[in-house]
Amino acid sequence: GLIQSNRACSKNNSQVSPSFFGYGGGVFIPGNNINNEFIMRGGAIRDNNSASGKGNGVAMDRIAAPPVQFSMEGPVAINGDIHLQSCSTDDCVVNITGPLSVQSPLLITMDAPSGLSKRVLTGAFNAAQFTASPPQSLNAAGYIYTP
């Protein structure tokens, strides 16, 4: 599949995003007891944007029921960032189970209290394909943290 040229708008716009804050230009996973996982089996997510500037590619928001998961199985190409909103320890996870193609390291951003280490990557991922937004860092084991 191809998820391309989409835009998540804010609640102040006439076209309201599911997240109400303009997160998740390509994919938005609400984590609301009904929709907690999105599985992408091959394809691409590209050229999407969000009004908030967060989650141009993918956004997860743990509204009510952890865990929330975005799984990439098989060859997937992605550009844009992945944003994790309202997540606490290990309840928003990007699970990689197949080849991932990125043009540059994929940015993972998280609205989280500083100083906490949270596992955000699982599966067969290559840590060199991901980065975090300063002041946060991402280690080789898939944990995002604030040094």
N, C-alpha and C. Protein backbone atom coordinates (compact mmCIF):
# COMPACT_ATOMS: atom_id res chain seq x y z
N GLY A 1 0.82 -1.19 0.00
CA GLY A 1 0.00 0.00 0.00
C GLY A 1 0.86 1.24 0.00
N LEU A 2 0.26 2.34 -0.36
CA LEU A 2 0.94 3.64 -0.39
C LEU A 2 0.10 4.64 0.38
N ILE A 3 0.70 5.25 1.39
CA ILE A 3 0.06 6.32 2.16
C ILE A 3 0.85 7.57 1.84
N GLN A 4 0.26 8.45 1.03
CA GLN A 4 1.03 9.57 0.47
C GLN A 4 0.16 10.82 0.35
N SER A 5 0.80 11.97 0.55
CA SER A 5 0.20 13.30 0.30
C SER A 5 -1.04 13.56 1.15
N ASN A 6 -1.00 13.17 2.42
CA ASN A 6 -2.09 13.44 3.35
C ASN A 6 -1.68 14.53 4.32
N ARG A 7 -2.67 15.15 4.97
CA ARG A 7 -2.38 16.20 5.94
C ARG A 7 -3.32 16.06 7.14
N ALA A 8 -2.74 16.11 8.33
CA ALA A 8 -3.53 16.14 9.56
C ALA A 8 -3.68 17.60 9.97
N CYS A 9 -4.90 18.04 10.11
CA CYS A 9 -5.20 19.43 10.46
C CYS A 9 -5.53 19.54 11.94
N SER A 10 -5.43 20.74 12.47
CA SER A 10 -5.75 20.94 13.88
C SER A 10 -7.24 21.17 14.07
N LYS A 11 -7.68 21.17 15.32
CA LYS A 11 -9.10 21.34 15.61
C LYS A 11 -9.60 22.73 15.24
N ASN A 12 -8.70 23.67 15.03
CA ASN A 12 -9.10 25.02 14.62
C ASN A 12 -9.30 25.12 13.11
N ASN A 13 -9.03 24.03 12.41
CA ASN A 13 -9.19 24.00 10.97
C ASN A 13 -10.54 23.38 10.64
N SER A 14 -11.08 23.70 9.49
CA SER A 14 -12.38 23.14 9.11
C SER A 14 -12.32 21.65 8.85
N GLN A 15 -11.13 21.12 8.58
CA GLN A 15 -10.97 19.67 8.39
C GLN A 15 -10.25 19.14 9.61
N VAL A 16 -10.97 18.46 10.48
CA VAL A 16 -10.44 18.08 11.78
C VAL A 16 -9.75 16.72 11.72
N SER A 17 -8.55 16.66 12.26
CA SER A 17 -7.80 15.42 12.38
C SER A 17 -8.42 14.56 13.47
N PRO A 18 -8.28 13.23 13.38
CA PRO A 18 -8.79 12.38 14.47
C PRO A 18 -8.17 12.71 15.81
N SER A 19 -6.94 13.22 15.82
CA SER A 19 -6.29 13.51 17.09
C SER A 19 -6.66 14.88 17.63
N PHE A 20 -7.32 15.71 16.86
CA PHE A 20 -7.74 17.06 17.21
C PHE A 20 -6.59 18.04 17.37
N PHE A 21 -5.37 17.58 17.32
CA PHE A 21 -4.25 18.49 17.47
C PHE A 21 -3.32 18.45 16.26
N GLY A 22 -3.74 17.83 15.20
CA GLY A 22 -2.96 17.82 13.97
C GLY A 22 -1.77 16.89 13.99
N TYR A 23 -1.85 15.78 14.72
CA TYR A 23 -0.78 14.79 14.72
C TYR A 23 -1.11 13.70 13.70
N GLY A 24 -0.09 13.09 13.13
CA GLY A 24 -0.30 11.92 12.28
C GLY A 24 -0.73 12.25 10.86
N GLY A 25 0.16 12.84 10.08
CA GLY A 25 -0.17 13.17 8.70
C GLY A 25 -0.47 11.96 7.85
N GLY A 26 0.29 10.89 8.01
CA GLY A 26 0.07 9.67 7.24
C GLY A 26 -0.80 8.68 7.96
N VAL A 27 -0.44 8.34 9.20
CA VAL A 27 -1.17 7.36 9.99
C VAL A 27 -1.33 7.92 11.40
N PHE A 28 -2.55 7.83 11.94
CA PHE A 28 -2.80 8.21 13.33
C PHE A 28 -3.41 7.01 14.04
N ILE A 29 -2.78 6.55 15.13
CA ILE A 29 -3.27 5.41 15.90
C ILE A 29 -3.74 5.96 17.25
N PRO A 30 -5.07 5.99 17.48
CA PRO A 30 -5.60 6.67 18.65
C PRO A 30 -5.45 5.96 19.99
N GLY A 31 -5.25 4.66 20.03
CA GLY A 31 -5.09 3.99 21.32
C GLY A 31 -6.28 4.23 22.23
N ASN A 32 -7.48 3.94 21.74
CA ASN A 32 -8.69 4.29 22.46
C ASN A 32 -9.55 3.09 22.82
N ASN A 33 -8.94 1.96 23.11
CA ASN A 33 -9.62 0.70 23.45
C ASN A 33 -10.19 -0.02 22.24
N ILE A 34 -10.27 0.65 21.10
CA ILE A 34 -10.80 0.03 19.88
C ILE A 34 -9.69 -0.13 18.85
N ASN A 35 -8.95 0.95 18.62
CA ASN A 35 -7.91 0.97 17.59
C ASN A 35 -6.54 1.15 18.23
N ASN A 36 -5.92 0.06 18.64
CA ASN A 36 -4.63 0.17 19.33
C ASN A 36 -3.44 -0.25 18.49
N GLU A 37 -3.67 -0.78 17.30
CA GLU A 37 -2.54 -1.27 16.50
C GLU A 37 -2.79 -1.01 15.02
N PHE A 38 -1.72 -0.63 14.35
CA PHE A 38 -1.74 -0.49 12.90
C PHE A 38 -0.60 -1.36 12.38
N ILE A 39 -0.91 -2.27 11.46
CA ILE A 39 0.10 -3.16 10.89
C ILE A 39 0.25 -2.81 9.42
N MET A 40 1.45 -2.48 9.01
CA MET A 40 1.73 -2.18 7.61
C MET A 40 2.57 -3.32 7.05
N ARG A 41 2.02 -4.00 6.06
CA ARG A 41 2.72 -5.13 5.43
C ARG A 41 3.18 -4.72 4.04
N GLY A 42 4.36 -4.17 3.99
CA GLY A 42 4.91 -3.68 2.72
C GLY A 42 4.33 -2.33 2.35
N GLY A 43 4.97 -1.67 1.40
CA GLY A 43 4.47 -0.39 0.91
C GLY A 43 5.30 0.77 1.41
N ALA A 44 4.69 1.96 1.38
CA ALA A 44 5.41 3.18 1.73
C ALA A 44 4.50 4.19 2.40
N ILE A 45 5.11 4.98 3.29
CA ILE A 45 4.47 6.14 3.89
C ILE A 45 5.39 7.30 3.54
N ARG A 46 4.88 8.26 2.75
CA ARG A 46 5.76 9.35 2.33
C ARG A 46 4.96 10.61 1.99
N ASP A 47 5.67 11.73 2.10
CA ASP A 47 5.15 13.03 1.68
C ASP A 47 3.85 13.41 2.37
N ASN A 48 3.72 13.10 3.64
CA ASN A 48 2.56 13.50 4.44
C ASN A 48 3.01 14.60 5.39
N ASN A 49 2.08 15.39 5.90
CA ASN A 49 2.47 16.38 6.90
C ASN A 49 1.35 16.59 7.90
N SER A 50 1.71 17.23 8.99
CA SER A 50 0.75 17.46 10.07
C SER A 50 0.80 18.93 10.48
N ALA A 51 -0.34 19.47 10.86
CA ALA A 51 -0.43 20.86 11.28
C ALA A 51 0.48 21.15 12.48
N SER A 52 0.63 20.16 13.35
CA SER A 52 1.44 20.34 14.55
C SER A 52 2.93 20.21 14.27
N GLY A 53 3.28 19.62 13.13
CA GLY A 53 4.68 19.31 12.85
C GLY A 53 5.14 18.06 13.56
N LYS A 54 4.23 17.35 14.20
CA LYS A 54 4.56 16.13 14.94
C LYS A 54 3.89 14.94 14.27
N GLY A 55 4.66 13.93 13.95
CA GLY A 55 4.09 12.75 13.33
C GLY A 55 3.70 12.97 11.89
N ASN A 56 4.57 13.61 11.13
CA ASN A 56 4.27 13.79 9.71
C ASN A 56 4.03 12.44 9.03
N GLY A 57 4.78 11.42 9.44
CA GLY A 57 4.57 10.07 8.91
C GLY A 57 3.55 9.30 9.72
N VAL A 58 3.80 9.16 11.03
CA VAL A 58 2.96 8.34 11.91
C VAL A 58 2.87 9.02 13.28
N ALA A 59 1.69 8.95 13.90
CA ALA A 59 1.54 9.40 15.29
C ALA A 59 0.72 8.38 16.06
N MET A 60 1.12 8.16 17.30
CA MET A 60 0.40 7.29 18.22
C MET A 60 0.04 8.12 19.45
N ASP A 61 -1.18 7.98 19.93
CA ASP A 61 -1.62 8.70 21.12
C ASP A 61 -2.31 7.72 22.05
N ARG A 62 -1.68 7.44 23.18
CA ARG A 62 -2.27 6.51 24.13
C ARG A 62 -3.35 7.25 24.91
N ILE A 63 -4.52 7.32 24.30
CA ILE A 63 -5.64 8.04 24.90
C ILE A 63 -6.19 7.28 26.10
N ALA A 64 -6.46 5.99 25.94
CA ALA A 64 -7.13 5.26 27.01
C ALA A 64 -6.52 3.91 27.34
N ALA A 65 -6.02 3.18 26.34
CA ALA A 65 -5.67 1.79 26.61
C ALA A 65 -4.32 1.40 26.04
N PRO A 66 -3.33 1.27 26.89
CA PRO A 66 -2.06 0.77 26.38
C PRO A 66 -2.15 -0.72 26.13
N PRO A 67 -1.31 -1.29 25.36
CA PRO A 67 -0.29 -0.61 24.56
C PRO A 67 -0.84 -0.20 23.19
N VAL A 68 -0.15 0.74 22.58
CA VAL A 68 -0.44 1.19 21.23
C VAL A 68 0.76 0.79 20.38
N GLN A 69 0.52 0.19 19.23
CA GLN A 69 1.63 -0.35 18.45
C GLN A 69 1.49 -0.04 16.97
N PHE A 70 2.61 0.33 16.36
CA PHE A 70 2.72 0.49 14.92
C PHE A 70 3.70 -0.58 14.45
N SER A 71 3.23 -1.54 13.66
CA SER A 71 4.08 -2.64 13.21
C SER A 71 4.37 -2.51 11.72
N MET A 72 5.62 -2.69 11.36
CA MET A 72 6.03 -2.68 9.97
C MET A 72 6.55 -4.07 9.64
N GLU A 73 5.82 -4.79 8.80
CA GLU A 73 6.18 -6.15 8.41
C GLU A 73 6.53 -6.15 6.92
N GLY A 74 7.61 -6.83 6.59
CA GLY A 74 8.00 -6.87 5.19
C GLY A 74 8.67 -5.57 4.78
N PRO A 75 8.97 -5.42 3.53
CA PRO A 75 9.68 -4.21 3.11
C PRO A 75 8.75 -2.98 3.18
N VAL A 76 9.14 -2.02 4.01
CA VAL A 76 8.38 -0.78 4.16
C VAL A 76 9.34 0.39 3.98
N ALA A 77 8.92 1.39 3.22
CA ALA A 77 9.68 2.63 3.05
C ALA A 77 8.91 3.72 3.78
N ILE A 78 9.61 4.55 4.52
CA ILE A 78 8.93 5.60 5.27
C ILE A 78 9.80 6.85 5.31
N ASN A 79 9.15 8.01 5.15
CA ASN A 79 9.81 9.27 5.45
C ASN A 79 8.85 10.09 6.30
N GLY A 80 9.36 11.11 6.92
CA GLY A 80 8.59 11.82 7.93
C GLY A 80 8.96 11.24 9.28
N ASP A 81 8.45 11.84 10.33
CA ASP A 81 8.81 11.37 11.67
C ASP A 81 7.71 10.50 12.25
N ILE A 82 8.02 9.86 13.36
CA ILE A 82 7.06 9.09 14.14
C ILE A 82 6.94 9.79 15.49
N HIS A 83 5.71 10.19 15.85
CA HIS A 83 5.51 10.92 17.11
C HIS A 83 4.70 10.08 18.08
N LEU A 84 5.15 10.04 19.33
CA LEU A 84 4.48 9.30 20.40
C LEU A 84 3.93 10.32 21.40
N GLN A 85 2.61 10.35 21.53
CA GLN A 85 1.94 11.35 22.36
C GLN A 85 1.31 10.66 23.58
N SER A 86 1.42 11.26 24.73
CA SER A 86 0.78 10.78 25.97
C SER A 86 1.19 9.35 26.32
N CYS A 87 2.41 9.00 26.08
CA CYS A 87 2.88 7.64 26.33
C CYS A 87 3.68 7.59 27.62
N SER A 88 3.48 6.53 28.39
CA SER A 88 4.32 6.30 29.56
C SER A 88 5.19 5.09 29.26
N THR A 89 5.77 4.50 30.23
CA THR A 89 6.77 3.46 30.02
C THR A 89 6.27 2.34 29.12
N ASP A 90 6.92 2.17 27.99
CA ASP A 90 6.76 1.03 27.07
C ASP A 90 5.34 0.81 26.54
N ASP A 91 4.48 1.82 26.51
CA ASP A 91 3.13 1.56 26.04
C ASP A 91 2.84 2.09 24.64
N CYS A 92 3.79 2.71 23.99
CA CYS A 92 3.71 3.09 22.58
C CYS A 92 4.95 2.52 21.92
N VAL A 93 4.76 1.57 21.01
CA VAL A 93 5.89 0.83 20.48
C VAL A 93 5.84 0.78 18.95
N VAL A 94 7.00 0.93 18.34
CA VAL A 94 7.18 0.71 16.90
C VAL A 94 7.85 -0.64 16.78
N ASN A 95 7.17 -1.60 16.17
CA ASN A 95 7.68 -2.96 16.05
C ASN A 95 8.11 -3.22 14.60
N ILE A 96 9.36 -3.55 14.41
CA ILE A 96 9.91 -3.79 13.08
C ILE A 96 10.11 -5.29 12.91
N THR A 97 9.47 -5.88 11.90
CA THR A 97 9.64 -7.31 11.66
C THR A 97 10.07 -7.60 10.22
N GLY A 98 10.46 -6.59 9.49
CA GLY A 98 10.93 -6.79 8.12
C GLY A 98 11.82 -5.64 7.70
N PRO A 99 12.33 -5.68 6.47
CA PRO A 99 13.22 -4.63 6.01
C PRO A 99 12.55 -3.25 6.03
N LEU A 100 13.30 -2.27 6.46
CA LEU A 100 12.83 -0.89 6.53
C LEU A 100 13.74 -0.03 5.67
N SER A 101 13.16 0.76 4.79
CA SER A 101 13.92 1.64 3.92
C SER A 101 13.67 3.09 4.33
N VAL A 102 14.72 3.79 4.73
CA VAL A 102 14.60 5.20 5.08
C VAL A 102 15.70 5.97 4.35
N GLN A 103 15.38 7.22 3.93
CA GLN A 103 16.36 8.03 3.22
C GLN A 103 17.41 8.58 4.17
N SER A 104 17.03 8.88 5.38
CA SER A 104 17.93 9.34 6.43
C SER A 104 17.36 8.80 7.73
N PRO A 105 18.11 8.86 8.83
CA PRO A 105 17.57 8.29 10.07
C PRO A 105 16.17 8.83 10.37
N LEU A 106 15.28 7.93 10.71
CA LEU A 106 13.88 8.24 10.97
C LEU A 106 13.76 8.84 12.37
N LEU A 107 13.20 10.03 12.45
CA LEU A 107 13.09 10.75 13.71
C LEU A 107 11.92 10.23 14.53
N ILE A 108 12.18 9.92 15.80
CA ILE A 108 11.13 9.56 16.74
C ILE A 108 11.06 10.68 17.77
N THR A 109 9.88 11.28 17.91
CA THR A 109 9.68 12.33 18.89
C THR A 109 8.68 11.84 19.93
N MET A 110 8.82 12.36 21.13
CA MET A 110 7.94 11.90 22.21
C MET A 110 7.67 13.04 23.17
N ASP A 111 6.39 13.24 23.50
CA ASP A 111 6.03 14.16 24.56
C ASP A 111 6.05 13.33 25.84
N ALA A 112 7.08 13.51 26.64
CA ALA A 112 7.23 12.68 27.83
C ALA A 112 7.99 13.45 28.90
N PRO A 113 7.77 13.08 30.16
CA PRO A 113 8.58 13.68 31.22
C PRO A 113 10.05 13.38 31.01
N SER A 114 10.90 14.34 31.30
CA SER A 114 12.33 14.13 31.11
C SER A 114 12.87 13.13 32.11
N GLY A 115 13.97 12.51 31.74
CA GLY A 115 14.66 11.61 32.63
C GLY A 115 14.15 10.17 32.64
N LEU A 116 13.05 9.89 31.96
CA LEU A 116 12.53 8.53 31.94
C LEU A 116 13.01 7.80 30.69
N SER A 117 13.37 6.55 30.84
CA SER A 117 13.78 5.72 29.72
C SER A 117 12.57 4.89 29.29
N LYS A 118 12.22 4.96 28.00
CA LYS A 118 11.05 4.25 27.49
C LYS A 118 11.44 3.44 26.27
N ARG A 119 11.03 2.19 26.25
CA ARG A 119 11.31 1.36 25.08
C ARG A 119 10.30 1.72 24.00
N VAL A 120 10.80 2.18 22.85
CA VAL A 120 9.92 2.60 21.76
C VAL A 120 10.12 1.75 20.50
N LEU A 121 11.20 0.99 20.42
CA LEU A 121 11.48 0.13 19.26
C LEU A 121 11.61 -1.31 19.71
N THR A 122 10.95 -2.21 18.99
CA THR A 122 11.08 -3.64 19.26
C THR A 122 11.24 -4.37 17.93
N GLY A 123 11.59 -5.64 18.02
CA GLY A 123 11.72 -6.47 16.82
C GLY A 123 13.12 -6.40 16.23
N ALA A 124 13.20 -6.64 14.94
CA ALA A 124 14.48 -6.71 14.23
C ALA A 124 14.81 -5.37 13.61
N PHE A 125 15.06 -4.36 14.44
CA PHE A 125 15.34 -3.03 13.93
C PHE A 125 16.84 -2.77 13.89
N ASN A 126 17.22 -1.85 13.02
CA ASN A 126 18.59 -1.37 12.93
C ASN A 126 18.60 0.01 13.58
N ALA A 127 19.22 0.14 14.74
CA ALA A 127 19.19 1.39 15.49
C ALA A 127 19.77 2.56 14.69
N ALA A 128 20.64 2.30 13.73
CA ALA A 128 21.23 3.36 12.91
C ALA A 128 20.18 4.01 12.00
N GLN A 129 19.02 3.36 11.82
CA GLN A 129 17.97 3.92 10.97
C GLN A 129 17.04 4.86 11.72
N PHE A 130 17.31 5.08 13.03
CA PHE A 130 16.44 5.91 13.86
C PHE A 130 17.25 6.93 14.63
N THR A 131 16.59 8.03 14.97
CA THR A 131 17.19 9.04 15.82
C THR A 131 16.07 9.67 16.66
N ALA A 132 16.46 10.39 17.70
CA ALA A 132 15.49 11.07 18.56
C ALA A 132 15.73 12.57 18.48
N SER A 133 14.71 13.32 18.82
CA SER A 133 14.81 14.78 18.79
C SER A 133 15.46 15.27 20.08
N PRO A 134 16.56 16.04 19.97
CA PRO A 134 17.21 16.56 21.18
C PRO A 134 16.23 17.36 22.02
N PRO A 135 16.31 17.27 23.33
CA PRO A 135 17.42 16.72 24.10
C PRO A 135 17.34 15.21 24.32
N GLN A 136 16.38 14.54 23.70
CA GLN A 136 16.27 13.10 23.89
C GLN A 136 17.25 12.36 23.00
N SER A 137 17.61 11.15 23.41
CA SER A 137 18.50 10.28 22.67
C SER A 137 17.84 8.92 22.53
N LEU A 138 18.31 8.14 21.58
CA LEU A 138 17.81 6.79 21.35
C LEU A 138 18.99 5.85 21.36
N ASN A 139 18.92 4.78 22.18
CA ASN A 139 20.06 3.87 22.24
C ASN A 139 19.84 2.65 21.35
N ALA A 140 20.86 1.81 21.24
CA ALA A 140 20.83 0.64 20.33
C ALA A 140 19.81 -0.41 20.75
N ALA A 141 19.35 -0.37 22.01
CA ALA A 141 18.35 -1.33 22.48
C ALA A 141 16.92 -0.86 22.22
N GLY A 142 16.75 0.34 21.63
CA GLY A 142 15.43 0.84 21.29
C GLY A 142 14.77 1.68 22.37
N TYR A 143 15.56 2.18 23.33
CA TYR A 143 15.02 3.02 24.40
C TYR A 143 15.28 4.49 24.10
N ILE A 144 14.25 5.31 24.29
CA ILE A 144 14.41 6.76 24.17
C ILE A 144 14.57 7.31 25.59
N TYR A 145 15.45 8.28 25.76
CA TYR A 145 15.71 8.81 27.10
C TYR A 145 16.24 10.24 26.99
N THR A 146 16.17 10.94 28.09
CA THR A 146 16.75 12.27 28.18
C THR A 146 17.99 12.18 29.04
N PRO A 147 19.17 12.42 28.46
CA PRO A 147 20.41 12.29 29.24
C PRO A 147 20.51 13.33 30.35
